[in-house]
Amino acid sequence: MVKIIAFDEIDSEDIVERIKQGEIFIYPTDTVYSLGCNALKPASVDIIRQLKRKDPSKPLAVVAPSKQWIFKNLIVKRKSYIQTLPGPFTFVLKIKKRCVARNVNPGTDVLGVRMPYHPFTKFIQKADVPFITTSITLFGQKPVREVSNIPRSLLKKVNIVIDGGFLVNHPSTVIDITEDMARIIGKI
């Protein structure tokens, strides 16, 4: 049975440990509700892919635990973009070295990273692991902005839901900054 926790009732140590262990979360961001797990745990990443019905060859994005993590693991040509974080952006960068499970971004040398401007991000930072971030919006549906609108099919298959109340924003803007010229490639 899924555990639903109001954001203001979170036990910090418990949540950080659950993140490290690879439990499957539905959690609030600065944009919409997302599915997530420790991006270093391949079995957990597989569950996210199944829930999202995500093509196994398509990459997933992560919440970076810190800007330092981004600079250590990814090639950043345009530091000014990273300095805008936290915020409602997902930046696509080339990888310097393997920093997530292979099934996060199979067959590619790039990774989408973001740092939501939401208090839940501090738990990811304390866990000090990259954390999958993909909206829980299923194909053809509107973004989920409150826990009461989460499809029951998803609620049955996650370990924990963090209820952050009604979220008022739109999915994050995805910006490819792997080349000299940045380009917007979509929203997630």
Protein backbone atom coordinates (compact mmCIF):
# COMPACT_ATOMS: atom_id res chain seq x y z
CA MET A 1 0.00 0.00 0.00
CA VAL A 2 1.32 3.42 -0.94
CA LYS A 3 2.24 5.78 1.86
CA ILE A 4 1.00 9.36 1.31
CA ILE A 5 2.80 11.96 3.39
CA ALA A 6 1.94 15.65 3.60
CA PHE A 7 5.06 17.67 2.85
CA ASP A 8 5.02 19.39 6.25
CA GLU A 9 4.92 15.99 8.00
CA ILE A 10 8.04 14.54 6.37
CA ASP A 11 10.54 12.77 8.62
CA SER A 12 13.77 13.99 7.00
CA GLU A 13 15.94 11.01 7.99
CA ASP A 14 13.31 8.50 6.82
CA ILE A 15 12.82 10.18 3.43
CA VAL A 16 16.56 10.51 2.81
CA GLU A 17 17.01 6.80 3.60
CA ARG A 18 14.11 5.84 1.30
CA ILE A 19 15.70 7.90 -1.51
CA LYS A 20 19.05 6.14 -1.02
CA GLN A 21 17.39 2.69 -0.99
CA GLY A 22 15.74 3.27 -4.37
CA GLU A 23 12.09 3.45 -3.36
CA ILE A 24 9.70 4.77 -6.01
CA PHE A 25 8.34 8.25 -5.29
CA ILE A 26 5.69 10.58 -6.57
CA TYR A 27 6.88 13.98 -5.42
CA PRO A 28 6.28 17.70 -5.95
CA THR A 29 8.64 19.89 -7.95
CA ASP A 30 8.58 23.56 -8.87
CA THR A 31 6.58 22.55 -11.94
CA VAL A 32 4.34 19.45 -11.67
CA TYR A 33 4.25 16.14 -9.77
CA SER A 34 6.95 13.71 -10.87
CA LEU A 35 7.94 10.08 -10.59
CA GLY A 36 11.38 9.51 -9.14
CA CYS A 37 13.91 7.15 -7.63
CA ASN A 38 17.63 6.90 -6.97
CA ALA A 39 19.16 7.04 -10.47
CA LEU A 40 21.99 4.75 -9.34
CA LYS A 41 19.58 1.81 -8.81
CA PRO A 42 18.89 0.06 -12.16
CA ALA A 43 15.97 -2.02 -10.83
CA SER A 44 14.22 1.12 -9.56
CA VAL A 45 14.85 2.92 -12.86
CA ASP A 46 13.26 -0.04 -14.68
CA ILE A 47 10.13 0.33 -12.54
CA ILE A 48 9.90 4.05 -13.44
CA ARG A 49 10.21 3.15 -17.14
CA GLN A 50 7.40 0.59 -16.80
CA LEU A 51 5.13 3.01 -14.95
CA LYS A 52 5.76 5.75 -17.48
CA ARG A 53 5.54 3.31 -20.40
CA LYS A 54 8.79 4.89 -21.53
CA ASP A 55 10.57 3.55 -24.61
CA PRO A 56 13.65 1.77 -23.20
CA SER A 57 15.91 3.61 -25.65
CA LYS A 58 14.70 7.07 -24.55
CA PRO A 59 16.71 8.78 -21.81
CA LEU A 60 15.31 9.90 -18.48
CA ALA A 61 16.34 13.11 -16.70
CA VAL A 62 17.62 13.47 -13.14
CA VAL A 63 17.54 15.97 -10.32
CA ALA A 64 21.19 16.69 -9.59
CA PRO A 65 22.08 16.60 -5.89
CA SER A 66 24.20 19.76 -6.32
CA LYS A 67 25.75 22.09 -8.86
CA GLN A 68 29.10 20.59 -7.92
CA TRP A 69 27.77 17.18 -8.99
CA ILE A 70 26.85 18.64 -12.37
CA PHE A 71 30.30 20.18 -12.90
CA LYS A 72 32.06 16.98 -11.73
CA ASN A 73 30.09 14.56 -13.92
CA LEU A 74 28.95 16.54 -16.97
CA ILE A 75 30.60 18.73 -19.59
CA VAL A 76 29.37 22.27 -19.00
CA LYS A 77 30.23 24.65 -21.82
CA ARG A 78 27.88 27.35 -20.61
CA LYS A 79 28.22 27.75 -16.85
CA SER A 80 25.77 30.66 -16.84
CA TYR A 81 22.91 28.23 -17.52
CA ILE A 82 23.79 26.07 -14.51
CA GLN A 83 23.99 29.21 -12.36
CA THR A 84 20.25 29.78 -13.07
CA LEU A 85 19.46 26.65 -11.02
CA PRO A 86 17.37 25.93 -9.07
CA GLY A 87 14.53 26.60 -11.46
CA PRO A 88 12.03 25.14 -13.96
CA PHE A 89 14.64 24.03 -16.49
CA THR A 90 16.09 20.71 -17.59
CA PHE A 91 19.51 21.09 -19.20
CA VAL A 92 20.85 18.43 -21.55
CA LEU A 93 24.61 18.01 -21.15
CA LYS A 94 27.27 15.55 -22.32
CA ILE A 95 28.55 13.10 -19.71
CA LYS A 96 32.21 13.13 -18.59
CA LYS A 97 31.93 9.83 -16.75
CA ARG A 98 29.24 7.32 -15.84
CA CYS A 99 27.24 8.99 -13.06
CA VAL A 100 23.84 7.23 -13.29
CA ALA A 101 22.69 3.67 -13.93
CA ARG A 102 23.08 2.68 -17.60
CA ASN A 103 19.32 2.30 -18.08
CA VAL A 104 18.78 6.00 -17.27
CA ASN A 105 20.25 7.09 -20.60
CA PRO A 106 20.94 3.93 -22.63
CA GLY A 107 23.02 4.30 -25.75
CA THR A 108 23.63 8.02 -25.36
CA ASP A 109 26.37 10.20 -23.95
CA VAL A 110 24.04 12.95 -22.73
CA LEU A 111 21.93 13.45 -19.61
CA GLY A 112 19.11 15.83 -18.75
CA VAL A 113 19.59 17.46 -15.35
CA ARG A 114 17.56 19.82 -13.26
CA MET A 115 17.33 21.20 -9.76
CA PRO A 116 13.74 22.09 -8.91
CA TYR A 117 13.09 25.21 -6.88
CA HIS A 118 11.04 23.24 -4.35
CA PRO A 119 11.78 22.30 -0.72
CA PHE A 120 11.66 18.57 -1.59
CA THR A 121 14.95 19.06 -3.45
CA LYS A 122 16.76 19.46 -0.11
CA PHE A 123 16.04 15.78 0.68
CA ILE A 124 17.64 14.73 -2.61
CA GLN A 125 20.61 16.93 -1.74
CA LYS A 126 20.92 15.28 1.68
CA ALA A 127 20.77 11.82 0.08
CA ASP A 128 23.55 13.00 -2.27
CA VAL A 129 22.40 10.88 -5.22
CA PRO A 130 21.03 11.77 -8.65
CA PHE A 131 17.25 11.27 -8.60
CA ILE A 132 15.04 10.41 -11.59
CA THR A 133 12.59 13.15 -12.54
CA THR A 134 9.83 12.52 -15.05
CA SER A 135 6.38 14.06 -14.88
CA ILE A 136 3.62 11.62 -13.98
CA THR A 137 1.61 12.88 -16.91
CA LEU A 138 0.74 9.92 -19.11
CA PHE A 139 0.66 10.36 -22.88
CA GLY A 140 -2.16 12.64 -23.99
CA GLN A 141 -3.16 13.74 -20.49
CA LYS A 142 -2.82 17.06 -18.70
CA PRO A 143 0.03 17.60 -16.22
CA VAL A 144 -0.77 16.43 -12.68
CA ARG A 145 -0.79 19.38 -10.30
CA GLU A 146 -2.37 17.80 -7.23
CA VAL A 147 -2.27 14.42 -5.53
CA SER A 148 -6.02 13.84 -5.96
CA ASN A 149 -5.48 13.75 -9.75
CA ILE A 150 -2.78 11.07 -9.73
CA PRO A 151 -3.99 8.04 -11.71
CA ARG A 152 -4.90 5.14 -9.43
CA SER A 153 -2.84 2.85 -11.64
CA LEU A 154 0.28 4.77 -10.55
CA LEU A 155 -0.68 5.03 -6.88
CA LYS A 156 -0.83 1.24 -6.64
CA LYS A 157 2.74 0.86 -7.91
CA VAL A 158 4.78 3.44 -6.01
CA ASN A 159 6.15 3.26 -2.47
CA ILE A 160 5.55 6.82 -1.34
CA VAL A 161 3.69 9.97 -2.37
CA ILE A 162 4.73 13.36 -1.06
CA ASP A 163 1.72 15.68 -1.05
CA GLY A 164 2.97 19.19 -1.69
CA GLY A 165 -0.49 20.63 -2.30
CA PHE A 166 -1.61 22.21 -5.56
CA LEU A 167 1.25 23.02 -7.94
CA VAL A 168 0.65 26.02 -10.17
CA ASN A 169 3.34 25.81 -12.85
CA HIS A 170 3.89 23.99 -16.14
CA PRO A 171 6.35 21.20 -17.03
CA SER A 172 10.02 22.23 -17.14
CA THR A 173 11.59 23.59 -20.31
CA VAL A 174 14.24 21.27 -21.76
CA ILE A 175 17.26 23.10 -23.15
CA ASP A 176 20.09 21.34 -24.98
CA ILE A 177 23.37 23.03 -24.07
CA THR A 178 25.71 20.40 -25.50
CA GLU A 179 26.74 22.71 -28.36
CA ASP A 180 27.82 26.35 -28.53
CA MET A 181 24.26 27.46 -29.33
CA ALA A 182 21.60 26.48 -26.78
CA ARG A 183 18.28 25.23 -28.15
CA ILE A 184 14.92 24.50 -26.56
CA ILE A 185 13.86 20.94 -27.34
CA GLY A 186 10.61 20.55 -25.42
CA LYS A 187 8.95 20.29 -22.03
CA ILE A 188 8.94 17.48 -19.45
